[in-house]
Amino acid sequence: MKTIHDILKLGDPRLYEVCEPVLESELNQVPNWVQQLHEAMEDIRRVYGFGRGIAAPQLGIMKRMFYLNLDKPYVILNPELKNKSESKFELWDDCMSFPNLLVKVRRHQSLTLKYWDEHWKEHEWEVSGAESELIQHEYDHLDGILCTMRAIDQKSFRWKE
């Protein structure tokens, strides 16, 4: 069972690596990866009270995959971000890899997410607002980018109470 203790923490070199695509031949491994991501996210929710998504590299699974649990679970394989809006918004972002730190970032207001699901079916999903921000955050993890690297300025950090 995966817990918050299995989530890689800020400074772990694996968090800064670019992930490899999930191959169709690896689909048999996806359910196990999803279970691990789900368990870790549920533990973060229990301890810290937040968590809508988690990227595979946060558990050391160096694949282009993330898991969202919104109104229902979503398994996102090999995502691509398209049609990113010119308009952006600012928010205080949090991350399971440094759960007590908030970082002020700018994100695209809307975008189209193209991805494959756990059955290797292709999808396109138009998102805006909070879902757009979440997807950009998780997508960044797949390219080794943390929200600390997207901070608006040097004063864009604060501790959570």
Protein backbone atom coordinates (compact mmCIF):
# COMPACT_ATOMS: atom_id res chain seq x y z
CA MET A 1 0.00 0.00 0.00
CA LYS A 2 1.36 3.39 -1.03
CA THR A 3 1.24 6.31 1.42
CA ILE A 4 2.42 9.91 1.62
CA HIS A 5 5.82 8.52 2.62
CA ASP A 6 6.20 7.04 -0.87
CA ILE A 7 5.68 10.38 -2.62
CA LEU A 8 8.98 11.87 -3.80
CA LYS A 9 9.79 15.12 -2.00
CA LEU A 10 11.11 18.42 -3.34
CA GLY A 11 14.79 18.00 -4.18
CA ASP A 12 14.57 14.36 -5.28
CA PRO A 13 16.38 14.30 -8.66
CA ARG A 14 13.73 12.05 -10.22
CA LEU A 15 11.19 14.89 -9.98
CA TYR A 16 13.26 16.85 -12.51
CA GLU A 17 13.45 14.10 -15.16
CA VAL A 18 11.43 13.96 -18.38
CA CYS A 19 9.24 10.85 -18.41
CA GLU A 20 9.01 8.21 -21.13
CA PRO A 21 5.74 7.55 -22.98
CA VAL A 22 3.53 4.70 -21.85
CA LEU A 23 3.67 2.01 -24.53
CA GLU A 24 0.63 0.02 -25.58
CA SER A 25 2.59 -3.10 -24.62
CA GLU A 26 2.72 -1.77 -21.03
CA LEU A 27 -1.06 -1.50 -20.59
CA ASN A 28 -1.03 -4.58 -18.35
CA GLN A 29 1.05 -2.56 -15.82
CA VAL A 30 -1.30 0.46 -15.82
CA PRO A 31 -3.85 -0.93 -13.29
CA ASN A 32 -1.09 -1.48 -10.73
CA TRP A 33 0.31 2.02 -11.31
CA VAL A 34 -3.19 3.51 -10.99
CA GLN A 35 -3.75 1.64 -7.71
CA GLN A 36 -0.47 3.01 -6.31
CA LEU A 37 -1.34 6.56 -7.39
CA HIS A 38 -4.84 6.27 -5.94
CA GLU A 39 -3.56 4.97 -2.58
CA ALA A 40 -0.96 7.73 -2.23
CA MET A 41 -3.49 10.42 -3.18
CA GLU A 42 -6.06 9.10 -0.70
CA ASP A 43 -3.42 9.22 2.05
CA ILE A 44 -2.54 12.84 1.18
CA ARG A 45 -6.25 13.69 1.30
CA ARG A 46 -6.53 12.03 4.71
CA VAL A 47 -3.49 13.79 6.20
CA TYR A 48 -3.47 17.18 4.43
CA GLY A 49 -7.03 17.57 3.15
CA PHE A 50 -6.19 18.19 -0.51
CA GLY A 51 -5.47 16.23 -3.67
CA ARG A 52 -7.28 16.04 -6.99
CA GLY A 53 -4.46 14.59 -9.08
CA ILE A 54 -1.07 12.92 -8.89
CA ALA A 55 1.55 12.30 -11.57
CA ALA A 56 3.31 8.95 -11.95
CA PRO A 57 6.83 10.39 -11.45
CA GLN A 58 5.80 11.55 -7.96
CA LEU A 59 5.94 7.86 -7.03
CA GLY A 60 9.08 7.21 -9.08
CA ILE A 61 7.10 5.73 -12.00
CA MET A 62 8.89 7.54 -14.81
CA LYS A 63 6.05 7.33 -17.34
CA ARG A 64 3.91 9.98 -19.04
CA MET A 65 0.87 9.27 -16.93
CA PHE A 66 -1.23 10.97 -14.30
CA TYR A 67 -4.32 10.13 -12.32
CA LEU A 68 -7.15 12.53 -11.52
CA ASN A 69 -10.00 11.96 -9.12
CA LEU A 70 -12.62 14.63 -9.73
CA ASP A 71 -16.27 13.72 -10.20
CA LYS A 72 -14.88 10.34 -11.23
CA PRO A 73 -11.39 8.83 -11.71
CA TYR A 74 -9.45 9.63 -14.89
CA VAL A 75 -6.38 7.74 -16.08
CA ILE A 76 -4.39 10.02 -18.40
CA LEU A 77 -1.74 8.36 -20.58
CA ASN A 78 0.64 10.21 -22.92
CA PRO A 79 -1.16 13.55 -22.62
CA GLU A 80 -0.77 16.44 -25.03
CA LEU A 81 -1.88 20.00 -24.31
CA LYS A 82 -3.43 21.81 -27.27
CA ASN A 83 -5.26 25.09 -27.90
CA LYS A 84 -3.87 26.76 -24.77
CA SER A 85 -5.66 30.07 -24.25
CA GLU A 86 -3.76 33.32 -24.39
CA SER A 87 -5.64 34.44 -21.28
CA LYS A 88 -4.09 33.31 -18.02
CA PHE A 89 -4.97 33.52 -14.35
CA GLU A 90 -2.96 33.53 -11.12
CA LEU A 91 -3.43 31.17 -8.21
CA TRP A 92 -1.68 29.69 -5.19
CA ASP A 93 -0.68 26.18 -6.28
CA ASP A 94 0.07 23.27 -3.97
CA CYS A 95 1.82 19.98 -4.60
CA MET A 96 1.96 16.59 -2.88
CA SER A 97 5.76 16.64 -3.16
CA PHE A 98 5.87 19.68 -0.82
CA PRO A 99 2.47 19.68 0.88
CA ASN A 100 3.07 22.61 3.26
CA LEU A 101 4.20 25.08 0.58
CA LEU A 102 2.04 27.24 -1.69
CA VAL A 103 3.46 28.79 -4.86
CA LYS A 104 1.82 31.61 -6.83
CA VAL A 105 1.82 30.72 -10.55
CA ARG A 106 0.13 31.77 -13.80
CA ARG A 107 -1.77 29.16 -15.79
CA HIS A 108 -3.70 29.13 -19.05
CA GLN A 109 -7.41 29.73 -18.49
CA SER A 110 -8.40 26.94 -20.90
CA LEU A 111 -6.93 24.22 -23.09
CA THR A 112 -7.66 20.95 -24.85
CA LEU A 113 -6.22 17.79 -23.35
CA LYS A 114 -5.57 14.94 -25.78
CA TYR A 115 -4.78 11.62 -24.11
CA TRP A 116 -5.23 7.86 -24.10
CA ASP A 117 -7.06 6.06 -21.31
CA GLU A 118 -6.28 2.75 -19.61
CA HIS A 119 -8.04 0.90 -22.47
CA TRP A 120 -5.87 2.65 -25.09
CA LYS A 121 -8.83 4.70 -26.27
CA GLU A 122 -8.03 8.22 -27.46
CA HIS A 123 -9.85 11.22 -25.93
CA GLU A 124 -9.97 14.99 -26.24
CA TRP A 125 -11.21 17.01 -23.28
CA GLU A 126 -11.90 20.75 -23.30
CA VAL A 127 -11.13 22.18 -19.84
CA SER A 128 -11.05 25.59 -18.20
CA GLY A 129 -10.45 27.15 -14.81
CA ALA A 130 -9.58 24.79 -11.95
CA GLU A 131 -9.41 21.70 -14.19
CA SER A 132 -7.17 23.49 -16.67
CA GLU A 133 -4.81 24.49 -13.85
CA LEU A 134 -4.76 20.97 -12.42
CA ILE A 135 -3.97 19.39 -15.78
CA GLN A 136 -1.16 21.88 -16.44
CA HIS A 137 0.30 21.14 -12.99
CA GLU A 138 0.25 17.36 -13.49
CA TYR A 139 1.48 17.66 -17.10
CA ASP A 140 4.47 19.72 -15.92
CA HIS A 141 5.50 16.84 -13.64
CA LEU A 142 5.91 14.64 -16.74
CA ASP A 143 8.48 17.11 -18.10
CA GLY A 144 10.35 17.45 -14.79
CA ILE A 145 8.86 20.88 -14.06
CA LEU A 146 7.61 21.74 -10.57
CA CYS A 147 5.37 24.68 -9.75
CA THR A 148 8.30 26.15 -7.76
CA MET A 149 9.97 26.62 -11.16
CA ARG A 150 6.90 28.52 -12.43
CA ALA A 151 6.66 30.94 -9.51
CA ILE A 152 5.63 34.42 -10.65
CA ASP A 153 8.51 36.00 -8.69
CA GLN A 154 10.73 35.42 -5.67
CA LYS A 155 7.93 36.51 -3.32
CA SER A 156 5.45 33.94 -4.65
CA PHE A 157 5.95 31.38 -1.87
CA ARG A 158 4.12 30.89 1.40
CA TRP A 159 3.66 28.21 4.04
CA LYS A 160 0.28 26.63 4.60
CA GLU A 161 -1.07 26.88 8.12
